[in-house]
Protein backbone atom coordinates (compact mmCIF):
# COMPACT_ATOMS: atom_id res chain seq x y z
CA MET A 1 117.39 -73.32 -63.45
CA ARG A 2 115.98 -73.42 -67.14
CA ASN A 3 118.85 -75.84 -68.32
CA ARG A 4 118.01 -78.29 -65.14
CA GLN A 5 114.27 -78.34 -65.50
CA SER A 6 115.04 -79.26 -69.10
CA GLU A 7 117.63 -81.73 -68.55
CA ILE A 8 114.56 -83.31 -66.11
CA GLU A 9 111.90 -83.17 -68.47
CA GLY A 10 114.47 -85.18 -70.97
CA GLN A 11 114.69 -87.93 -69.02
CA PHE A 12 111.28 -87.80 -68.21
CA HIS A 13 110.38 -87.69 -71.80
CA SER A 14 113.29 -90.39 -72.92
CA ALA A 15 112.45 -92.77 -70.17
CA PRO A 16 109.54 -94.18 -71.29
CA LYS A 17 110.92 -94.42 -75.21
CA GLU A 18 114.02 -96.47 -73.87
CA LYS A 19 111.58 -98.77 -72.22
CA HIS A 20 109.67 -98.82 -75.33
CA ILE A 21 112.58 -99.78 -77.05
CA SER A 22 113.38 -102.45 -74.55
CA ASP A 23 109.93 -103.81 -74.83
CA LEU A 24 110.83 -103.87 -78.68
CA HIS A 25 114.09 -105.38 -78.37
CA GLU A 26 112.61 -108.15 -75.98
CA ARG A 27 109.78 -109.04 -78.48
CA ILE A 28 112.00 -109.47 -81.23
CA ASN A 29 114.50 -111.37 -79.26
CA GLN A 30 111.56 -113.89 -78.23
CA THR A 31 110.16 -113.44 -82.01
CA THR A 32 113.66 -114.67 -83.24
CA ILE A 33 113.80 -117.72 -80.83
CA ASN A 34 110.45 -118.88 -81.77
CA LEU A 35 110.82 -118.75 -85.13
CA THR A 36 114.68 -120.37 -84.67
CA ASN A 37 112.56 -123.34 -83.19
CA GLN A 38 110.06 -123.56 -85.52
CA ILE A 39 112.67 -123.78 -88.20
CA GLY A 40 114.23 -126.41 -86.75
CA ASP A 41 111.17 -128.45 -86.17
CA VAL A 42 110.38 -127.97 -89.85
CA SER A 43 113.79 -129.07 -91.12
CA ARG A 44 113.50 -132.48 -88.81
CA GLU A 45 110.23 -133.09 -90.50
CA LEU A 46 111.59 -132.73 -93.71
CA GLY A 47 114.38 -134.87 -93.00
CA GLU A 48 111.76 -137.78 -92.00
CA VAL A 49 109.86 -136.75 -95.35
CA ILE A 50 113.04 -137.17 -97.57
CA GLY A 51 114.07 -140.24 -95.87
CA LYS A 52 110.59 -141.93 -96.12
CA LEU A 53 110.44 -140.55 -100.06
CA ASP A 54 114.52 -142.29 -100.35
CA SER A 55 112.63 -145.65 -99.06
CA SER A 56 109.84 -145.70 -101.19
CA ASN A 57 112.09 -144.67 -103.81
CA ASP A 58 114.15 -147.66 -103.24
CA LEU A 59 111.51 -150.09 -102.94
CA LEU A 60 110.01 -148.73 -106.58
CA LYS A 61 113.31 -149.31 -107.94
CA SER A 62 113.20 -152.75 -106.44
CA ILE A 63 110.10 -153.60 -108.14
CA HIS A 64 110.76 -152.34 -111.17
CA THR A 65 113.79 -154.56 -111.55
CA ALA A 66 111.56 -157.27 -110.43
CA ILE A 67 108.91 -156.75 -113.51
CA ILE A 68 111.51 -156.23 -115.74
CA ASN A 69 113.67 -159.52 -114.54
CA GLY A 70 110.35 -161.41 -114.56
CA ASN A 71 109.47 -160.27 -118.31
CA ARG A 72 112.46 -161.55 -119.21
CA LYS A 73 111.73 -165.27 -118.29
């Protein structure tokens, strides 16, 4: 009888802990999804910035070349 009571008490006390762990796992999973989405957003934005910098760099090279060629005339 005492063992059965201990077993029941153990189940009672472990159930909230398991629920707590399950809730933590869910929060970790959701946080991971959110961070992954944010990383994707930042990556796309950085790609756009790098593209604009490349275009600006090409434009500056063209201007530089035009100035050098103009000074040679």
